[in-house]
N, C-alpha and C. Protein backbone atom coordinates (compact mmCIF):
# COMPACT_ATOMS: atom_id res chain seq x y z
N MET A 1 0.85 -1.08 0.16
CA MET A 1 -0.28 0.17 0.11
C MET A 1 1.15 0.67 0.20
N GLN A 2 0.92 2.03 -0.91
CA GLN A 2 1.35 3.24 -1.18
C GLN A 2 0.88 4.43 -0.21
N LYS A 3 1.80 5.12 0.47
CA LYS A 3 1.05 6.42 1.17
C LYS A 3 1.28 7.68 0.26
N ASN A 4 0.41 8.22 0.30
CA ASN A 4 0.06 9.37 -0.29
C ASN A 4 0.22 10.62 1.04
N HIS A 5 1.13 10.98 1.73
CA HIS A 5 1.58 11.85 2.99
C HIS A 5 3.00 11.85 3.39
N LEU A 6 3.17 12.81 3.98
CA LEU A 6 4.43 12.81 4.43
C LEU A 6 5.25 11.98 5.66
N PRO A 7 6.28 11.67 5.77
CA PRO A 7 6.80 10.45 6.90
C PRO A 7 6.00 11.18 8.19
N LEU A 8 5.61 10.73 9.20
CA LEU A 8 5.40 11.16 10.44
C LEU A 8 6.42 12.13 10.88
N LEU A 9 7.56 11.99 10.79
CA LEU A 9 8.72 12.44 11.43
C LEU A 9 9.73 13.48 10.50
N GLY A 10 9.35 13.43 9.45
CA GLY A 10 9.87 14.69 8.09
C GLY A 10 11.28 14.56 8.27
N VAL A 11 11.63 15.57 8.01
CA VAL A 11 13.48 15.89 8.37
C VAL A 11 13.98 16.04 9.91
N GLY A 12 12.74 16.10 10.49
CA GLY A 12 12.47 16.91 12.24
C GLY A 12 13.90 16.21 12.91
N PRO A 13 14.01 14.96 12.39
CA PRO A 13 14.89 14.33 13.91
C PRO A 13 16.55 14.78 13.27
N LEU A 14 16.80 14.85 11.99
CA LEU A 14 18.27 15.33 11.43
C LEU A 14 18.36 16.64 12.16
N TYR A 15 17.37 17.51 11.83
CA TYR A 15 17.55 19.35 12.01
C TYR A 15 17.83 19.21 13.59
N VAL A 16 16.60 18.20 14.58
CA VAL A 16 16.50 18.71 15.90
C VAL A 16 17.93 18.10 16.66
N ILE A 17 18.10 16.65 16.13
CA ILE A 17 19.50 15.99 17.25
C ILE A 17 20.63 16.79 16.48
N SER A 18 21.01 17.03 15.40
CA SER A 18 21.53 18.35 15.40
C SER A 18 22.14 19.66 15.64
N ILE A 19 20.75 20.20 15.84
CA ILE A 19 20.90 21.52 16.63
C ILE A 19 21.25 21.00 18.04
N ILE A 20 20.30 20.35 18.80
CA ILE A 20 20.78 19.52 20.24
C ILE A 20 22.09 19.65 20.33
N LEU A 21 22.94 18.95 19.61
CA LEU A 21 24.52 18.51 20.07
C LEU A 21 25.16 19.51 19.48
N ILE A 22 24.82 20.49 18.85
CA ILE A 22 26.08 21.41 18.25
C ILE A 22 24.99 22.63 19.29
N THR A 23 24.79 22.84 20.07
CA THR A 23 23.98 23.52 21.26
C THR A 23 24.89 23.25 22.43
N ALA A 24 24.95 21.87 22.85
CA ALA A 24 25.38 21.21 24.23
C ALA A 24 26.52 20.95 23.82
N ALA A 25 27.57 20.74 22.34
CA ALA A 25 28.95 21.24 22.42
C ALA A 25 29.15 22.81 22.47
N GLY A 26 28.51 23.60 22.61
CA GLY A 26 28.50 25.10 22.71
C GLY A 26 28.94 25.09 24.25
N GLY A 27 27.63 24.45 24.66
CA GLY A 27 27.83 25.01 25.90
C GLY A 27 28.61 24.36 26.70
N LEU A 28 29.51 22.87 26.91
CA LEU A 28 30.35 22.18 27.03
C LEU A 28 31.82 23.04 27.25
N PHE A 29 31.53 23.79 25.65
CA PHE A 29 33.01 23.98 25.43
C PHE A 29 33.46 25.16 26.29
N THR A 30 32.05 26.20 25.97
CA THR A 30 32.36 27.53 27.42
C THR A 30 32.55 27.32 28.54
N CYS A 31 31.88 26.43 28.90
CA CYS A 31 32.25 25.56 30.61
C CYS A 31 33.65 25.16 30.85
N LEU A 32 34.37 24.68 29.86
CA LEU A 32 35.56 23.93 29.83
C LEU A 32 36.33 25.12 29.42
N GLY A 33 36.13 26.14 28.88
CA GLY A 33 37.13 27.28 29.12
C GLY A 33 37.50 27.26 27.22
N ILE A 34 37.47 26.58 26.66
CA ILE A 34 37.47 26.12 25.45
C ILE A 34 37.41 26.95 24.17
N ILE A 35 35.64 27.70 24.68
CA ILE A 35 35.43 29.00 24.20
C ILE A 35 35.94 29.78 25.11
N ALA A 36 37.05 30.48 24.78
CA ALA A 36 37.70 32.14 25.40
C ALA A 36 36.71 33.14 24.86
N GLY A 37 36.79 33.76 25.77
CA GLY A 37 36.17 35.04 25.40
C GLY A 37 35.10 35.09 25.02
N GLY A 38 34.21 36.15 24.35
CA GLY A 38 33.08 36.52 24.27
C GLY A 38 31.84 36.97 25.30
N LYS A 39 32.46 37.13 26.70
CA LYS A 39 31.28 37.13 27.72
C LYS A 39 30.72 38.25 27.47
N ILE A 40 29.66 37.95 27.22
CA ILE A 40 28.73 39.10 28.09
C ILE A 40 28.55 39.52 28.93
N PRO A 41 28.59 41.14 29.26
CA PRO A 41 28.88 41.07 30.76
C PRO A 41 27.29 41.51 31.20
N LEU A 42 26.33 41.92 30.67
CA LEU A 42 24.60 42.06 31.19
C LEU A 42 24.10 40.49 31.22
N ILE A 43 24.50 40.10 32.33
CA ILE A 43 23.95 38.73 32.36
C ILE A 43 22.71 38.53 33.05
N VAL A 44 22.38 39.13 33.61
CA VAL A 44 20.54 39.23 34.22
C VAL A 44 19.96 39.20 33.08
N PRO A 45 19.67 40.44 31.66
CA PRO A 45 19.41 40.68 30.61
C PRO A 45 19.59 38.79 29.57
N CYS A 46 20.60 38.29 29.55
CA CYS A 46 20.55 37.51 28.55
C CYS A 46 19.75 35.78 29.59
N VAL A 47 20.09 35.95 30.82
CA VAL A 47 19.00 34.76 31.50
C VAL A 47 17.94 34.90 31.36
N ILE A 48 17.33 36.08 31.41
CA ILE A 48 15.93 36.83 30.97
C ILE A 48 15.46 36.10 29.50
N ALA A 49 16.16 36.93 29.05
CA ALA A 49 16.29 36.16 27.62
C ALA A 49 15.72 35.26 27.00
N GLY A 50 16.90 34.38 27.33
CA GLY A 50 17.17 32.98 27.37
C GLY A 50 15.81 32.81 28.13
N ILE A 51 15.50 32.34 29.62
CA ILE A 51 14.46 31.91 30.05
C ILE A 51 13.15 32.20 29.04
N CYS A 52 12.89 33.78 28.62
CA CYS A 52 11.80 33.49 27.93
C CYS A 52 11.77 32.80 26.37
N PHE A 53 12.88 32.79 25.88
CA PHE A 53 12.69 31.74 24.28
C PHE A 53 12.52 30.41 24.55
N ILE A 54 13.32 29.83 26.42
CA ILE A 54 12.89 28.63 26.27
C ILE A 54 11.39 28.29 26.86
N GLY A 55 11.05 29.54 27.08
CA GLY A 55 9.27 29.46 27.48
C GLY A 55 8.28 29.07 26.25
N ILE A 56 9.11 30.15 25.15
CA ILE A 56 8.23 30.45 24.37
C ILE A 56 8.10 28.80 23.68
N GLY A 57 9.80 28.43 23.53
CA GLY A 57 9.39 27.10 22.83
C GLY A 57 9.42 26.09 23.35
N ILE A 58 8.97 25.93 24.69
CA ILE A 58 8.14 24.98 25.03
C ILE A 58 6.32 24.93 24.97
N ALA A 59 5.81 26.53 24.80
CA ALA A 59 4.72 26.88 25.15
C ALA A 59 4.34 26.02 23.41
N LEU A 60 5.47 26.80 22.54
CA LEU A 60 5.16 26.12 20.66
C LEU A 60 5.07 24.47 20.28
N TRP A 61 5.78 24.03 21.13
CA TRP A 61 6.15 22.81 21.14
C TRP A 61 4.60 21.62 21.83
N ILE A 62 4.25 22.21 23.02
CA ILE A 62 3.27 21.89 23.72
C ILE A 62 1.72 21.81 22.70
N ALA A 63 1.95 23.20 22.04
CA ALA A 63 0.41 23.35 21.11
C ALA A 63 0.48 22.55 19.73
N ALA A 64 1.16 22.95 19.34
CA ALA A 64 1.75 21.85 18.37
C ALA A 64 1.58 20.16 18.78
N VAL A 65 1.72 19.72 19.72
CA VAL A 65 2.11 18.04 19.70
C VAL A 65 0.88 17.89 20.32
N PHE A 66 0.33 18.75 21.46
CA PHE A 66 -0.73 17.52 22.27
C PHE A 66 -2.44 18.81 21.70
N PHE A 67 -2.11 19.80 21.04
CA PHE A 67 -3.04 19.96 20.69
C PHE A 67 -3.59 20.14 19.43
N SER A 68 -2.64 20.01 18.56
CA SER A 68 -3.36 19.88 16.86
C SER A 68 -3.14 18.75 16.53
N LYS A 69 -2.39 17.52 16.82
CA LYS A 69 -3.40 16.31 16.76
C LYS A 69 -2.30 16.06 15.68
N ILE A 70 -1.26 16.35 15.19
CA ILE A 70 -0.30 16.49 13.96
C ILE A 70 -0.60 15.05 13.29
N ASP A 71 -0.11 14.12 14.43
CA ASP A 71 0.24 13.13 13.54
C ASP A 71 -0.99 12.31 12.81
N ALA A 72 -2.43 12.46 13.81
CA ALA A 72 -3.05 12.36 12.99
C ALA A 72 -4.13 12.92 11.33
N ASN A 73 -3.58 14.48 11.51
CA ASN A 73 -3.95 14.86 10.03
C ASN A 73 -2.68 14.40 9.44
N ILE A 74 -1.52 14.16 9.53
CA ILE A 74 -0.44 13.85 8.30
C ILE A 74 -0.88 12.51 7.77
N ILE A 75 -1.35 11.54 8.51
CA ILE A 75 -2.00 10.54 8.39
C ILE A 75 -2.87 10.74 7.34
N ALA A 76 -4.33 11.67 7.92
CA ALA A 76 -5.12 11.81 6.97
C ALA A 76 -4.97 12.88 5.82
N ASN A 77 -3.69 13.07 5.75
CA ASN A 77 -3.65 13.72 4.80
C ASN A 77 -4.28 15.28 4.70
N LYS A 78 -4.22 15.77 5.95
CA LYS A 78 -4.47 17.24 6.02
C LYS A 78 -4.12 18.30 6.13
N LEU A 79 -3.98 19.57 5.58
CA LEU A 79 -3.19 20.65 5.05
C LEU A 79 -3.98 21.33 6.71
N VAL A 80 -2.72 21.21 8.10
CA VAL A 80 -3.56 22.31 9.17
C VAL A 80 -2.93 23.53 8.86
N THR A 81 -3.49 24.64 8.86
CA THR A 81 -3.27 26.23 9.05
C THR A 81 -4.22 26.78 10.17
N ASP A 82 -5.02 26.09 11.25
CA ASP A 82 -5.14 26.80 12.39
C ASP A 82 -4.46 26.46 13.50
N GLY A 83 -5.06 26.57 14.86
CA GLY A 83 -4.13 26.49 16.00
C GLY A 83 -2.70 27.41 15.63
N VAL A 84 -1.90 26.42 15.90
CA VAL A 84 -0.34 27.06 16.60
C VAL A 84 -0.15 27.49 15.25
N TYR A 85 -0.80 26.75 14.27
CA TYR A 85 -0.14 26.38 12.77
C TYR A 85 -0.57 27.77 11.84
N ARG A 86 -1.60 28.54 12.90
CA ARG A 86 -2.01 30.14 12.17
C ARG A 86 -0.78 31.23 12.99
N ILE A 87 0.16 30.82 13.12
CA ILE A 87 1.53 31.94 13.87
C ILE A 87 2.83 31.34 13.31
N VAL A 88 2.58 30.06 12.74
CA VAL A 88 3.82 29.35 12.38
C VAL A 88 3.87 28.28 11.75
N ARG A 89 4.50 28.37 10.68
CA ARG A 89 3.94 26.79 9.61
C ARG A 89 4.50 25.86 10.30
N ASN A 90 5.66 25.64 10.86
CA ASN A 90 6.81 24.88 11.65
C ASN A 90 7.14 24.59 13.35
N PRO A 91 5.62 24.72 14.16
CA PRO A 91 5.86 24.85 15.23
C PRO A 91 6.92 24.10 16.15
N ILE A 92 6.96 22.43 16.30
CA ILE A 92 7.86 22.03 16.42
C ILE A 92 9.04 22.17 16.13
N TYR A 93 9.75 22.62 14.82
CA TYR A 93 10.87 22.74 14.87
C TYR A 93 11.51 24.06 15.42
N SER A 94 10.59 25.25 15.23
CA SER A 94 10.78 26.64 15.98
C SER A 94 10.80 26.42 16.88
N ALA A 95 10.22 25.51 18.13
CA ALA A 95 10.39 25.30 19.09
C ALA A 95 11.31 24.99 19.70
N PHE A 96 12.46 23.51 18.64
CA PHE A 96 13.68 23.39 19.05
C PHE A 96 14.43 25.02 19.32
N LEU A 97 14.27 25.36 17.99
CA LEU A 97 15.35 26.47 17.71
C LEU A 97 14.95 27.49 19.10
N PHE A 98 13.85 27.94 18.65
CA PHE A 98 13.55 28.87 20.44
C PHE A 98 14.32 27.98 21.77
N VAL A 99 14.54 26.98 22.07
CA VAL A 99 14.77 26.48 23.03
C VAL A 99 16.70 26.53 23.04
N CYS A 100 16.95 25.89 21.97
CA CYS A 100 18.27 25.97 21.78
C CYS A 100 19.06 26.89 22.10
N THR A 101 18.53 28.51 21.75
CA THR A 101 18.98 29.89 21.25
C THR A 101 18.63 29.76 22.88
N GLY A 102 17.86 29.81 23.39
CA GLY A 102 17.61 30.03 24.93
C GLY A 102 18.61 29.51 25.86
N VAL A 103 18.71 28.47 25.70
CA VAL A 103 19.96 27.13 26.37
C VAL A 103 21.39 28.67 26.17
N LEU A 104 21.72 28.56 24.53
CA LEU A 104 22.92 29.28 24.49
C LEU A 104 22.61 30.71 24.81
N LEU A 105 21.77 30.98 24.86
CA LEU A 105 21.60 32.75 25.94
C LEU A 105 22.09 32.66 26.86
N LEU A 106 21.55 31.32 27.96
CA LEU A 106 22.21 31.43 29.33
C LEU A 106 23.85 31.24 29.74
N PHE A 107 24.28 30.80 28.67
CA PHE A 107 26.03 30.92 28.98
C PHE A 107 26.32 32.29 28.87
N CYS A 108 25.44 33.27 28.03
CA CYS A 108 26.10 35.23 27.77
C CYS A 108 27.38 34.85 27.34
N ASN A 109 27.28 34.53 26.20
CA ASN A 109 28.72 34.28 25.33
C ASN A 109 28.23 34.54 23.81
N TRP A 110 28.93 35.89 23.23
CA TRP A 110 28.46 36.41 22.21
C TRP A 110 29.30 35.42 20.68
N TYR A 111 29.90 34.74 20.96
CA TYR A 111 30.34 33.41 20.11
C TYR A 111 29.46 32.71 19.67
N LEU A 112 28.57 32.33 21.35
CA LEU A 112 27.36 30.99 20.74
C LEU A 112 26.20 31.93 20.71
N LEU A 113 26.01 33.18 20.20
CA LEU A 113 25.33 33.82 19.53
C LEU A 113 25.12 33.95 18.06
N LEU A 114 26.50 33.26 17.64
CA LEU A 114 25.87 32.85 16.35
C LEU A 114 25.42 31.43 15.72
N LEU A 115 25.12 31.11 16.58
CA LEU A 115 24.41 29.64 16.18
C LEU A 115 23.36 30.28 15.78
N PRO A 116 22.70 31.19 16.67
CA PRO A 116 21.19 30.74 16.03
C PRO A 116 20.54 31.03 14.41
N PRO A 117 21.71 31.85 14.28
CA PRO A 117 21.25 32.38 12.74
C PRO A 117 21.57 31.20 11.73
N ILE A 118 22.65 30.30 11.93
CA ILE A 118 22.67 29.54 11.66
C ILE A 118 22.15 28.37 12.12
N PHE A 119 21.75 28.10 12.91
CA PHE A 119 20.21 27.03 13.14
C PHE A 119 18.94 27.65 12.48
N PHE A 120 18.62 28.70 12.15
CA PHE A 120 17.85 29.36 10.83
C PHE A 120 17.50 29.27 9.75
N LEU A 121 18.82 29.12 9.05
CA LEU A 121 19.16 29.19 7.75
C LEU A 121 19.49 27.66 7.54
N TYR A 122 19.86 26.75 8.36
CA TYR A 122 19.66 25.35 8.14
C TYR A 122 18.41 25.24 8.24
N LEU A 123 17.27 25.49 9.25
CA LEU A 123 16.07 25.07 9.02
C LEU A 123 15.34 25.55 7.77
N THR A 124 15.58 26.67 7.32
CA THR A 124 14.79 27.53 6.16
C THR A 124 15.58 26.58 4.89
N LEU A 125 16.73 25.97 4.78
CA LEU A 125 17.08 25.38 3.39
C LEU A 125 16.08 23.94 3.52
N LEU A 126 16.27 23.38 4.98
CA LEU A 126 15.49 21.96 4.85
C LEU A 126 14.37 22.23 4.72
N MET A 127 13.87 23.08 5.05
CA MET A 127 12.26 23.18 4.94
C MET A 127 11.91 23.03 3.30
N LYS A 128 12.68 24.37 2.82
CA LYS A 128 12.27 24.76 1.56
C LYS A 128 13.00 23.83 0.43
N TYR A 129 13.61 22.79 0.75
CA TYR A 129 14.03 21.64 -0.49
C TYR A 129 13.63 20.24 0.38
N THR A 130 13.07 20.33 1.16
CA THR A 130 12.47 18.73 1.22
C THR A 130 10.61 19.05 1.22
N GLU A 131 10.20 19.15 2.58
CA GLU A 131 9.15 19.49 3.25
C GLU A 131 8.10 20.34 2.09
N GLU A 132 8.55 21.46 1.48
CA GLU A 132 7.73 22.29 1.57
C GLU A 132 7.86 22.12 0.27
N LYS A 133 8.76 21.41 -0.41
CA LYS A 133 8.23 21.48 -2.32
C LYS A 133 6.70 20.08 -2.50
N TRP A 134 7.35 18.73 -1.22
CA TRP A 134 6.30 18.28 -1.33
C TRP A 134 4.88 18.88 -1.07
N LEU A 135 4.38 19.54 0.31
CA LEU A 135 3.29 20.55 0.22
C LEU A 135 2.65 21.10 -0.78
N LEU A 136 3.52 21.87 -1.67
CA LEU A 136 3.30 22.88 -2.70
C LEU A 136 2.43 21.74 -3.58
N GLN A 137 2.91 20.54 -3.78
CA GLN A 137 3.28 19.74 -4.51
C GLN A 137 1.65 18.80 -4.40
N GLN A 138 1.85 18.50 -3.12
CA GLN A 138 0.26 18.06 -2.77
C GLN A 138 -0.88 19.18 -2.41
N TYR A 139 -0.81 20.15 -2.17
CA TYR A 139 -1.76 21.21 -1.74
C TYR A 139 -1.76 22.18 -2.73
N GLY A 140 -0.89 22.55 -3.76
CA GLY A 140 -0.69 23.33 -4.79
C GLY A 140 -1.20 25.41 -3.80
N GLU A 141 -2.25 25.48 -4.48
CA GLU A 141 -2.28 27.48 -4.59
C GLU A 141 -3.31 27.48 -2.92
N GLU A 142 -3.89 25.91 -2.07
CA GLU A 142 -4.08 26.21 -0.61
C GLU A 142 -2.55 26.53 0.31
N TYR A 143 -1.77 25.70 -0.30
CA TYR A 143 -0.35 25.79 0.38
C TYR A 143 0.55 26.81 0.03
N GLN A 144 0.22 27.78 -1.24
CA GLN A 144 1.02 28.99 -1.19
C GLN A 144 0.03 29.99 -0.98
N ASP A 145 -1.25 29.80 -0.45
CA ASP A 145 -2.09 30.88 0.17
C ASP A 145 -1.33 30.72 1.81
N TYR A 146 -1.08 29.56 2.25
CA TYR A 146 -1.03 29.37 3.39
C TYR A 146 0.45 30.46 3.70
N CYS A 147 1.35 29.95 2.83
CA CYS A 147 2.92 30.56 3.44
C CYS A 147 2.93 32.22 3.16
N LYS A 148 1.98 32.39 2.28
CA LYS A 148 1.60 33.93 2.23
C LYS A 148 1.42 34.42 3.55
N ARG A 149 0.84 33.86 4.47
CA ARG A 149 0.21 34.24 5.45
C ARG A 149 0.94 34.09 6.45
N VAL A 150 1.78 33.10 6.67
CA VAL A 150 2.37 32.85 7.97
C VAL A 150 3.82 32.31 7.46
N ASN A 151 4.48 32.77 8.47
CA ASN A 151 6.15 32.91 8.69
C ASN A 151 6.53 31.11 9.03
N ARG A 152 7.25 30.71 8.30
CA ARG A 152 8.20 29.68 8.41
C ARG A 152 8.16 29.16 10.06
N CYS A 153 9.18 29.63 10.25
CA CYS A 153 10.16 29.32 11.43
C CYS A 153 9.54 30.17 12.86
N ILE A 154 9.37 31.80 12.15
CA ILE A 154 9.31 32.53 13.31
C ILE A 154 7.60 33.09 13.72
N PRO A 155 6.90 32.72 14.74
CA PRO A 155 5.98 32.68 15.29
C PRO A 155 5.29 34.16 15.13
N SER A 156 4.41 34.78 14.62
CA SER A 156 3.98 35.83 14.16
C SER A 156 2.82 36.36 14.67
N VAL A 157 2.48 37.82 15.10
CA VAL A 157 1.62 38.09 16.13
C VAL A 157 0.42 38.21 15.57
N ARG A 158 0.66 38.56 13.85
CA ARG A 158 -0.31 38.54 13.31
C ARG A 158 -1.69 37.80 13.14
N GLY A 159 -1.40 36.29 13.08
CA GLY A 159 -1.88 35.14 13.10
C GLY A 159 -2.87 34.73 14.12
N LEU A 160 -2.72 35.62 15.03
CA LEU A 160 -3.03 35.62 16.50
C LEU A 160 -4.52 36.70 15.94
N LEU A 161 -4.16 37.42 15.31
CA LEU A 161 -4.66 38.93 15.41
C LEU A 161 -6.21 38.65 14.19
N HIS A 162 -5.57 37.75 12.86
CA HIS A 162 -6.57 37.72 12.10
C HIS A 162 -7.06 36.66 11.91
N GLY A 163 -7.84 36.03 12.21
CA GLY A 163 -9.08 34.74 11.74
C GLY A 163 -8.64 33.63 12.72
N GLY A 164 -9.08 32.29 12.24
CA GLY A 164 -9.15 31.39 13.09
C GLY A 164 -9.47 30.97 14.22
N ASN A 165 -9.83 30.02 15.04
CA ASN A 165 -10.20 29.67 16.40
C ASN A 165 -9.11 30.40 17.56
N LYS A 166 -9.68 30.83 18.76
CA LYS A 166 -8.79 31.20 19.59
C LYS A 166 -7.71 30.09 20.55
N GLY A 167 -6.45 31.00 20.35
CA GLY A 167 -5.49 29.90 21.48
C GLY A 167 -5.14 29.42 20.26
N PHE A 168 -4.16 28.94 20.63
CA PHE A 168 -3.78 27.47 20.35
C PHE A 168 -3.61 26.26 19.65
N GLY A 169 -5.03 25.69 20.62
CA GLY A 169 -5.81 24.53 20.27
C GLY A 169 -5.95 24.45 19.09
N ASN A 170 -5.94 23.27 18.69
CA ASN A 170 -6.67 23.12 17.27
C ASN A 170 -7.93 22.27 17.31
N LYS A 171 -9.32 23.30 17.36
CA LYS A 171 -10.39 23.01 18.19
C LYS A 171 -11.39 21.30 17.11
N ASN A 172 -10.38 21.87 15.90
CA ASN A 172 -11.32 21.13 14.30
C ASN A 172 -10.21 20.20 13.69
N ALA A 173 -9.33 19.44 14.84
CA ALA A 173 -7.92 19.25 14.51
C ALA A 173 -8.26 17.72 13.43
N GLY A 174 -9.57 17.51 13.08
CA GLY A 174 -9.84 16.06 12.43
C GLY A 174 -10.04 16.76 11.02
N ASN A 175 -10.77 18.43 10.65
CA ASN A 175 -11.35 19.25 9.83
C ASN A 175 -10.25 19.61 8.96
N THR A 176 -8.55 20.00 9.85
CA THR A 176 -7.80 20.50 9.36
C THR A 176 -6.62 19.68 8.76
N GLY A 177 -5.76 20.75 8.81
CA GLY A 177 -4.44 19.59 8.92
C GLY A 177 -3.44 20.02 7.88
N ASN A 178 -1.85 19.95 8.29
CA ASN A 178 -1.22 20.28 7.31
C ASN A 178 -0.34 18.60 7.68
N PRO A 179 -0.52 18.07 6.69
CA PRO A 179 0.75 16.30 7.22
C PRO A 179 1.77 16.88 7.65
N MET A 180 2.52 18.15 6.74
CA MET A 180 3.86 18.26 7.60
C MET A 180 3.91 19.48 8.29
N GLU A 181 3.06 20.43 7.95
CA GLU A 181 3.34 21.48 8.29
C GLU A 181 3.68 21.79 9.65
N GLU A 182 3.55 21.02 10.59
CA GLU A 182 4.03 21.03 11.78
C GLU A 182 5.29 20.43 12.01
N HIS A 183 5.81 19.65 11.27
CA HIS A 183 7.09 19.54 11.14
C HIS A 183 8.06 20.13 10.06
N LYS A 184 8.30 21.56 9.94
CA LYS A 184 8.92 22.99 9.30
C LYS A 184 9.14 23.54 10.55
């Protein structure tokens, strides 16, 4: 039996595992003094920003995993565009981007802050040349319109202000859905 939907995991494991390992290595190298210099003197703002980024990442992940029923929508081959997908096309990938950025901020090191833009570029390229190609082929104009309204990786307040159901939950999880949008 041939399936006509994206794999449940997509390129997610490749992205998530690699940025977690790089984040952990950066933190370890900073603690061991291998990455010398680059210390940010404003420790409190870095820690507060780091905690905020981690919190946003956790909120995105919870909304995508527990409220959007993404696995069921992937299997049902539905394009999810409501709930958390109303503010970001790839909330799970974005969640890990935010959490890793937050962790790097906790180390208060300028050199480590070079990593989040690299993580962002890596995510953008992975999505553009894998899942987004499939979604465009699968959903055509519907997906193009969605891409025009919703950012790939960075949540947008615009999505909260315009249409859709209130909050991050997907009240119509069985009636909407993008199989892989969550994984972007």
